[in-house]
Amino acid sequence: MAAPSGAASCEDFAEFQELLRVMRTIDDRIVHELNTTIPTASFVGKIDAGQTCKELYQSLMDAHTSRERIIKNCIAQTSSVVKTLREEREKTQDDLALLKQLRKEQTKV
């Protein structure tokens, strides 16, 4: 079970959460994955359990690395937006719409 490899959109938080949910599928189904990966007594000679476990482990590590990369990327993008909005806020103290947008982005981070 590979994780989606498309670029994550950090603009829509609900979409981002859904992407992470999909990317967690292998973790959420780990018991099933282990049950289908480790051979039963009747299949022990037909399947290389060591290799199969290594492949499962690699899939887990790839999924974790991918999720970590996407999360860190979105944190960096949103932090950059927050920084820009803070700079604008310092110039225009009375802009309530700007303050609202700043709070929204800070909450997202």
N, C-alpha and C. Protein backbone atom coordinates (compact mmCIF):
# COMPACT_ATOMS: atom_id res chain seq x y z
N MET A 1 0.82 -1.17 0.00
CA MET A 1 0.00 0.00 0.00
C MET A 1 0.86 1.23 0.00
N ALA A 2 0.95 1.86 -1.09
CA ALA A 2 1.81 3.04 -1.20
C ALA A 2 1.00 4.29 -0.90
N ALA A 3 1.68 5.29 -0.44
CA ALA A 3 1.05 6.57 -0.14
C ALA A 3 0.91 7.37 -1.42
N PRO A 4 -0.12 8.23 -1.50
CA PRO A 4 -0.24 9.09 -2.67
C PRO A 4 0.99 9.98 -2.78
N SER A 5 1.44 10.17 -3.98
CA SER A 5 2.68 10.92 -4.15
C SER A 5 2.46 12.32 -4.70
N GLY A 6 1.20 12.73 -4.87
CA GLY A 6 0.94 14.05 -5.41
C GLY A 6 1.31 15.15 -4.45
N ALA A 7 1.44 16.35 -4.97
CA ALA A 7 1.79 17.49 -4.13
C ALA A 7 0.60 17.83 -3.24
N ALA A 8 0.88 18.09 -2.01
CA ALA A 8 -0.17 18.40 -1.05
C ALA A 8 -0.53 19.87 -1.13
N SER A 9 -1.81 20.14 -1.06
CA SER A 9 -2.29 21.52 -1.03
C SER A 9 -2.53 21.90 0.42
N CYS A 10 -1.87 22.94 0.87
CA CYS A 10 -2.01 23.39 2.24
C CYS A 10 -3.08 24.46 2.38
N GLU A 11 -3.61 24.90 1.26
CA GLU A 11 -4.61 25.97 1.27
C GLU A 11 -5.89 25.52 1.97
N ASP A 12 -6.40 24.37 1.60
CA ASP A 12 -7.64 23.85 2.14
C ASP A 12 -7.31 22.84 3.23
N PHE A 13 -7.54 23.23 4.48
CA PHE A 13 -7.15 22.39 5.61
C PHE A 13 -7.89 21.06 5.61
N ALA A 14 -9.18 21.07 5.26
CA ALA A 14 -9.95 19.83 5.22
C ALA A 14 -9.39 18.88 4.17
N GLU A 15 -8.97 19.41 3.04
CA GLU A 15 -8.37 18.59 1.98
C GLU A 15 -7.04 18.01 2.47
N PHE A 16 -6.28 18.81 3.18
CA PHE A 16 -5.00 18.36 3.73
C PHE A 16 -5.23 17.23 4.74
N GLN A 17 -6.23 17.38 5.61
CA GLN A 17 -6.54 16.34 6.58
C GLN A 17 -6.96 15.05 5.87
N GLU A 18 -7.73 15.16 4.82
CA GLU A 18 -8.16 13.98 4.07
C GLU A 18 -6.96 13.29 3.43
N LEU A 19 -6.02 14.06 2.89
CA LEU A 19 -4.82 13.48 2.31
C LEU A 19 -4.03 12.70 3.36
N LEU A 20 -3.89 13.27 4.55
CA LEU A 20 -3.18 12.57 5.62
C LEU A 20 -3.93 11.31 6.05
N ARG A 21 -5.25 11.36 6.07
CA ARG A 21 -6.04 10.18 6.42
C ARG A 21 -5.79 9.06 5.42
N VAL A 22 -5.76 9.39 4.16
CA VAL A 22 -5.50 8.39 3.12
C VAL A 22 -4.08 7.85 3.25
N MET A 23 -3.15 8.72 3.58
CA MET A 23 -1.76 8.29 3.71
C MET A 23 -1.53 7.42 4.95
N ARG A 24 -2.43 7.48 5.92
CA ARG A 24 -2.31 6.65 7.13
C ARG A 24 -2.91 5.26 6.95
N THR A 25 -3.47 4.97 5.81
CA THR A 25 -4.16 3.70 5.59
C THR A 25 -3.30 2.51 5.96
N ILE A 26 -2.06 2.50 5.55
CA ILE A 26 -1.20 1.34 5.85
C ILE A 26 -1.00 1.19 7.36
N ASP A 27 -0.92 2.30 8.09
CA ASP A 27 -0.79 2.23 9.55
C ASP A 27 -2.09 1.74 10.19
N ASP A 28 -3.21 2.25 9.68
CA ASP A 28 -4.49 1.88 10.24
C ASP A 28 -4.83 0.41 10.00
N ARG A 29 -4.26 -0.15 8.95
CA ARG A 29 -4.55 -1.55 8.60
C ARG A 29 -3.36 -2.47 8.90
N ILE A 30 -2.53 -2.11 9.86
CA ILE A 30 -1.30 -2.85 10.11
C ILE A 30 -1.57 -4.30 10.50
N VAL A 31 -2.60 -4.57 11.29
CA VAL A 31 -2.90 -5.95 11.68
C VAL A 31 -3.22 -6.77 10.45
N HIS A 32 -4.03 -6.21 9.57
CA HIS A 32 -4.36 -6.91 8.32
C HIS A 32 -3.10 -7.12 7.49
N GLU A 33 -2.28 -6.08 7.40
CA GLU A 33 -1.05 -6.19 6.61
C GLU A 33 -0.14 -7.29 7.17
N LEU A 34 0.00 -7.33 8.48
CA LEU A 34 0.84 -8.37 9.09
C LEU A 34 0.25 -9.76 8.86
N ASN A 35 -1.06 -9.88 9.00
CA ASN A 35 -1.70 -11.18 8.79
C ASN A 35 -1.54 -11.67 7.36
N THR A 36 -1.53 -10.77 6.41
CA THR A 36 -1.37 -11.19 5.01
C THR A 36 0.09 -11.29 4.60
N THR A 37 0.98 -10.70 5.37
CA THR A 37 2.40 -10.72 5.04
C THR A 37 3.10 -11.96 5.60
N ILE A 38 2.82 -12.29 6.83
CA ILE A 38 3.48 -13.43 7.47
C ILE A 38 2.73 -14.70 7.09
N PRO A 39 3.42 -15.66 6.50
CA PRO A 39 2.75 -16.86 6.01
C PRO A 39 2.29 -17.77 7.14
N THR A 40 1.19 -18.45 6.89
CA THR A 40 0.72 -19.47 7.83
C THR A 40 1.59 -20.70 7.66
N ALA A 41 1.41 -21.68 8.53
CA ALA A 41 2.23 -22.89 8.51
C ALA A 41 2.18 -23.58 7.14
N SER A 42 1.05 -23.57 6.48
CA SER A 42 0.92 -24.26 5.20
C SER A 42 1.67 -23.55 4.06
N PHE A 43 1.99 -22.26 4.23
CA PHE A 43 2.68 -21.52 3.17
C PHE A 43 4.12 -21.16 3.51
N VAL A 44 4.62 -21.66 4.62
CA VAL A 44 5.96 -21.28 5.07
C VAL A 44 7.03 -21.54 4.02
N GLY A 45 6.99 -22.64 3.36
CA GLY A 45 8.01 -22.97 2.36
C GLY A 45 7.84 -22.23 1.05
N LYS A 46 6.70 -21.67 0.79
CA LYS A 46 6.40 -21.04 -0.49
C LYS A 46 6.68 -19.53 -0.51
N ILE A 47 6.75 -18.92 0.66
CA ILE A 47 6.93 -17.47 0.75
C ILE A 47 8.14 -17.17 1.62
N ASP A 48 8.96 -16.23 1.17
CA ASP A 48 10.11 -15.80 1.96
C ASP A 48 9.62 -14.74 2.95
N ALA A 49 9.36 -15.18 4.17
CA ALA A 49 8.80 -14.29 5.20
C ALA A 49 9.73 -13.12 5.49
N GLY A 50 11.02 -13.36 5.52
CA GLY A 50 11.97 -12.29 5.79
C GLY A 50 11.89 -11.19 4.76
N GLN A 51 11.89 -11.57 3.51
CA GLN A 51 11.81 -10.60 2.43
C GLN A 51 10.47 -9.87 2.44
N THR A 52 9.40 -10.61 2.68
CA THR A 52 8.07 -10.02 2.72
C THR A 52 7.96 -9.01 3.86
N CYS A 53 8.53 -9.35 5.02
CA CYS A 53 8.53 -8.41 6.15
C CYS A 53 9.37 -7.18 5.85
N LYS A 54 10.50 -7.36 5.17
CA LYS A 54 11.33 -6.22 4.78
C LYS A 54 10.56 -5.29 3.86
N GLU A 55 9.81 -5.86 2.93
CA GLU A 55 9.01 -5.06 2.00
C GLU A 55 7.92 -4.29 2.75
N LEU A 56 7.26 -4.95 3.71
CA LEU A 56 6.25 -4.27 4.51
C LEU A 56 6.87 -3.14 5.32
N TYR A 57 8.02 -3.42 5.92
CA TYR A 57 8.73 -2.40 6.69
C TYR A 57 9.08 -1.21 5.80
N GLN A 58 9.57 -1.48 4.61
CA GLN A 58 9.95 -0.41 3.68
C GLN A 58 8.71 0.41 3.29
N SER A 59 7.59 -0.26 3.08
CA SER A 59 6.35 0.45 2.76
C SER A 59 5.95 1.38 3.90
N LEU A 60 6.07 0.88 5.14
CA LEU A 60 5.76 1.71 6.30
C LEU A 60 6.69 2.91 6.39
N MET A 61 7.98 2.68 6.19
CA MET A 61 8.94 3.77 6.28
C MET A 61 8.71 4.80 5.16
N ASP A 62 8.41 4.33 3.96
CA ASP A 62 8.12 5.25 2.85
C ASP A 62 6.89 6.10 3.16
N ALA A 63 5.86 5.46 3.71
CA ALA A 63 4.63 6.19 4.05
C ALA A 63 4.92 7.23 5.13
N HIS A 64 5.68 6.86 6.14
CA HIS A 64 6.01 7.79 7.22
C HIS A 64 6.85 8.96 6.70
N THR A 65 7.83 8.66 5.87
CA THR A 65 8.69 9.71 5.30
C THR A 65 7.87 10.66 4.44
N SER A 66 6.99 10.12 3.64
CA SER A 66 6.15 10.93 2.77
C SER A 66 5.24 11.85 3.59
N ARG A 67 4.60 11.30 4.61
CA ARG A 67 3.74 12.12 5.47
C ARG A 67 4.54 13.20 6.18
N GLU A 68 5.70 12.85 6.69
CA GLU A 68 6.53 13.83 7.39
C GLU A 68 6.93 14.97 6.45
N ARG A 69 7.29 14.62 5.22
CA ARG A 69 7.70 15.63 4.24
C ARG A 69 6.54 16.58 3.94
N ILE A 70 5.36 16.03 3.73
CA ILE A 70 4.19 16.84 3.41
C ILE A 70 3.80 17.74 4.59
N ILE A 71 3.84 17.19 5.79
CA ILE A 71 3.49 17.97 6.98
C ILE A 71 4.48 19.12 7.16
N LYS A 72 5.77 18.82 7.07
CA LYS A 72 6.79 19.86 7.25
C LYS A 72 6.68 20.92 6.15
N ASN A 73 6.38 20.50 4.93
CA ASN A 73 6.21 21.44 3.83
C ASN A 73 5.04 22.38 4.10
N CYS A 74 3.93 21.84 4.57
CA CYS A 74 2.77 22.69 4.86
C CYS A 74 3.04 23.62 6.04
N ILE A 75 3.75 23.14 7.03
CA ILE A 75 4.11 24.01 8.16
C ILE A 75 4.97 25.17 7.66
N ALA A 76 5.94 24.87 6.80
CA ALA A 76 6.81 25.91 6.26
C ALA A 76 6.02 26.91 5.42
N GLN A 77 5.12 26.41 4.56
CA GLN A 77 4.33 27.30 3.72
C GLN A 77 3.44 28.20 4.56
N THR A 78 2.75 27.61 5.52
CA THR A 78 1.82 28.38 6.34
C THR A 78 2.58 29.35 7.24
N SER A 79 3.72 28.94 7.75
CA SER A 79 4.54 29.85 8.57
C SER A 79 4.99 31.05 7.75
N SER A 80 5.31 30.82 6.49
CA SER A 80 5.70 31.92 5.61
C SER A 80 4.54 32.89 5.40
N VAL A 81 3.34 32.35 5.23
CA VAL A 81 2.16 33.21 5.08
C VAL A 81 1.94 34.01 6.37
N VAL A 82 2.09 33.36 7.52
CA VAL A 82 1.93 34.04 8.80
C VAL A 82 2.94 35.18 8.93
N LYS A 83 4.17 34.92 8.55
CA LYS A 83 5.21 35.95 8.63
C LYS A 83 4.83 37.15 7.76
N THR A 84 4.38 36.88 6.54
CA THR A 84 3.98 37.95 5.63
C THR A 84 2.81 38.74 6.20
N LEU A 85 1.82 38.02 6.74
CA LEU A 85 0.66 38.70 7.31
C LEU A 85 1.04 39.52 8.54
N ARG A 86 1.98 39.03 9.34
CA ARG A 86 2.44 39.81 10.50
C ARG A 86 3.10 41.11 10.06
N GLU A 87 3.91 41.01 9.00
CA GLU A 87 4.57 42.21 8.49
C GLU A 87 3.54 43.21 7.98
N GLU A 88 2.52 42.73 7.29
CA GLU A 88 1.46 43.61 6.81
C GLU A 88 0.68 44.20 7.98
N ARG A 89 0.47 43.38 8.99
CA ARG A 89 -0.28 43.82 10.18
C ARG A 89 0.46 44.95 10.90
N GLU A 90 1.78 44.89 10.94
CA GLU A 90 2.56 45.95 11.58
C GLU A 90 2.39 47.28 10.85
N LYS A 91 2.20 47.19 9.53
CA LYS A 91 2.03 48.41 8.73
C LYS A 91 0.62 48.97 8.88
N THR A 92 -0.38 48.06 8.97
CA THR A 92 -1.78 48.47 9.03
C THR A 92 -2.43 47.88 10.28
N GLN A 93 -2.34 48.59 11.35
CA GLN A 93 -2.84 48.11 12.64
C GLN A 93 -4.37 47.99 12.69
N ASP A 94 -5.07 48.80 11.91
CA ASP A 94 -6.54 48.87 12.01
C ASP A 94 -7.28 47.91 11.08
N ASP A 95 -6.60 47.14 10.30
CA ASP A 95 -7.26 46.26 9.33
C ASP A 95 -7.73 44.97 10.01
N LEU A 96 -9.03 44.91 10.29
CA LEU A 96 -9.60 43.76 10.98
C LEU A 96 -9.62 42.51 10.11
N ALA A 97 -9.83 42.68 8.81
CA ALA A 97 -9.83 41.53 7.90
C ALA A 97 -8.45 40.88 7.87
N LEU A 98 -7.43 41.70 7.88
CA LEU A 98 -6.06 41.20 7.92
C LEU A 98 -5.78 40.46 9.22
N LEU A 99 -6.26 41.01 10.33
CA LEU A 99 -6.09 40.36 11.62
C LEU A 99 -6.81 39.00 11.64
N LYS A 100 -7.99 38.96 11.09
CA LYS A 100 -8.76 37.71 11.03
C LYS A 100 -8.01 36.67 10.20
N GLN A 101 -7.48 37.09 9.06
CA GLN A 101 -6.72 36.17 8.20
C GLN A 101 -5.46 35.68 8.91
N LEU A 102 -4.79 36.57 9.63
CA LEU A 102 -3.60 36.21 10.39
C LEU A 102 -3.94 35.16 11.44
N ARG A 103 -5.00 35.36 12.18
CA ARG A 103 -5.43 34.41 13.22
C ARG A 103 -5.77 33.05 12.60
N LYS A 104 -6.42 33.10 11.45
CA LYS A 104 -6.78 31.86 10.76
C LYS A 104 -5.52 31.05 10.37
N GLU A 105 -4.54 31.74 9.82
CA GLU A 105 -3.31 31.08 9.41
C GLU A 105 -2.51 30.59 10.62
N GLN A 106 -2.52 31.36 11.70
CA GLN A 106 -1.82 30.93 12.91
C GLN A 106 -2.46 29.67 13.48
N THR A 107 -3.78 29.60 13.43
CA THR A 107 -4.49 28.42 13.90
C THR A 107 -4.14 27.21 13.02
N LYS A 108 -4.01 27.43 11.74
CA LYS A 108 -3.67 26.35 10.81
C LYS A 108 -2.29 25.76 11.13
N VAL A 109 -1.33 26.64 11.48
CA VAL A 109 0.01 26.16 11.83
C VAL A 109 -0.09 25.28 13.05
